[in-house]
C-alpha atoms as a PDB file:
ATOM      1  CA  UNK A   1      -2.319  10.096 -11.919  1.00  0.00           C
ATOM      2  CA  UNK A   2      -4.723   7.470 -10.663  1.00  0.00           C
ATOM      3  CA  UNK A   3      -3.732   5.700  -7.457  1.00  0.00           C
ATOM      4  CA  UNK A   4      -6.189   2.895  -8.276  1.00  0.00           C
ATOM      5  CA  UNK A   5      -4.268   1.768 -11.327  1.00  0.00           C
ATOM      6  CA  UNK A   6      -1.939  -1.216 -11.204  1.00  0.00           C
ATOM      7  CA  UNK A   7       1.298  -0.428 -13.018  1.00  0.00           C
ATOM      8  CA  UNK A   8       3.623  -2.979 -14.597  1.00  0.00           C
ATOM      9  CA  UNK A   9       7.365  -2.719 -14.044  1.00  0.00           C
ATOM     10  CA  UNK A  10       7.836  -1.903 -17.711  1.00  0.00           C
ATOM     11  CA  UNK A  11       5.360   0.977 -17.518  1.00  0.00           C
ATOM     12  CA  UNK A  12       7.004   2.388 -14.414  1.00  0.00           C
ATOM     13  CA  UNK A  13      10.447   2.210 -15.973  1.00  0.00           C
ATOM     14  CA  UNK A  14       9.210   4.296 -18.914  1.00  0.00           C
ATOM     15  CA  UNK A  15       8.324   7.145 -16.531  1.00  0.00           C
ATOM     16  CA  UNK A  16      10.627   9.747 -15.068  1.00  0.00           C
ATOM     17  CA  UNK A  17      11.759   9.337 -11.458  1.00  0.00           C
ATOM     18  CA  UNK A  18       9.466  12.236 -10.494  1.00  0.00           C
ATOM     19  CA  UNK A  19       6.466  10.547 -12.139  1.00  0.00           C
ATOM     20  CA  UNK A  20       7.244   7.250 -10.389  1.00  0.00           C
ATOM     21  CA  UNK A  21       7.565   9.076  -7.079  1.00  0.00           C
ATOM     22  CA  UNK A  22       4.190  10.742  -7.628  1.00  0.00           C
ATOM     23  CA  UNK A  23       2.559   7.369  -8.314  1.00  0.00           C
ATOM     24  CA  UNK A  24       4.083   5.774  -5.212  1.00  0.00           C
ATOM     25  CA  UNK A  25       3.096   8.693  -2.974  1.00  0.00           C
ATOM     26  CA  UNK A  26      -0.459   8.680  -4.368  1.00  0.00           C
ATOM     27  CA  UNK A  27      -0.832   5.071  -3.200  1.00  0.00           C
ATOM     28  CA  UNK A  28       0.203   5.761   0.403  1.00  0.00           C
ATOM     29  CA  UNK A  29      -2.355   6.840   2.975  1.00  0.00           C
ATOM     30  CA  UNK A  30      -2.266   7.362   6.726  1.00  0.00           C
ATOM     31  CA  UNK A  31      -6.055   7.555   6.948  1.00  0.00           C
ATOM     32  CA  UNK A  32      -7.223   4.113   8.091  1.00  0.00           C
ATOM     33  CA  UNK A  33     -10.775   4.884   6.989  1.00  0.00           C
ATOM     34  CA  UNK A  34      -9.456   4.898   3.409  1.00  0.00           C
ATOM     35  CA  UNK A  35      -7.940   1.411   3.726  1.00  0.00           C
ATOM     36  CA  UNK A  36      -9.881  -1.614   2.504  1.00  0.00           C
ATOM     37  CA  UNK A  37     -11.559  -3.390   5.462  1.00  0.00           C
ATOM     38  CA  UNK A  38     -10.050  -6.765   4.542  1.00  0.00           C
ATOM     39  CA  UNK A  39      -6.567  -5.235   4.678  1.00  0.00           C
ATOM     40  CA  UNK A  40      -7.165  -3.852   8.176  1.00  0.00           C
ATOM     41  CA  UNK A  41      -8.611  -7.166   9.367  1.00  0.00           C
ATOM     42  CA  UNK A  42      -5.571  -9.053   8.083  1.00  0.00           C
ATOM     43  CA  UNK A  43      -3.165  -6.543   9.623  1.00  0.00           C
ATOM     44  CA  UNK A  44      -4.918  -6.818  13.002  1.00  0.00           C
ATOM     45  CA  UNK A  45      -4.831 -10.621  12.825  1.00  0.00           C
ATOM     46  CA  UNK A  46      -1.126 -10.590  11.925  1.00  0.00           C
ATOM     47  CA  UNK A  47      -0.240  -8.214  14.760  1.00  0.00           C
ATOM     48  CA  UNK A  48      -2.316 -10.208  17.228  1.00  0.00           C
ATOM     49  CA  UNK A  49      -0.650 -13.479  16.174  1.00  0.00           C
ATOM     50  CA  UNK A  50       2.758 -11.875  16.490  1.00  0.00           C
ATOM     51  CA  UNK A  51       2.014 -10.511  19.964  1.00  0.00           C
ATOM     52  CA  UNK A  52       0.613 -13.853  21.103  1.00  0.00           C
ATOM     53  CA  UNK A  53       3.702 -15.700  19.854  1.00  0.00           C
ATOM     54  CA  UNK A  54       5.969 -13.306  21.752  1.00  0.00           C
ATOM     55  CA  UNK A  55       4.397 -14.251  25.115  1.00  0.00           C
END
């Protein structure tokens, strides 16, 4: 199943638990080179802001 697809709640509820699990797992990556650059930039900014507020 395509990990690029956006699924509605209704569509997901029509699937079996195993199919839903497959879709969720297909959308998870631990390879940062596969993440969109804007997502990484925002995550870095959020972490930096959090660390700076903790000082």
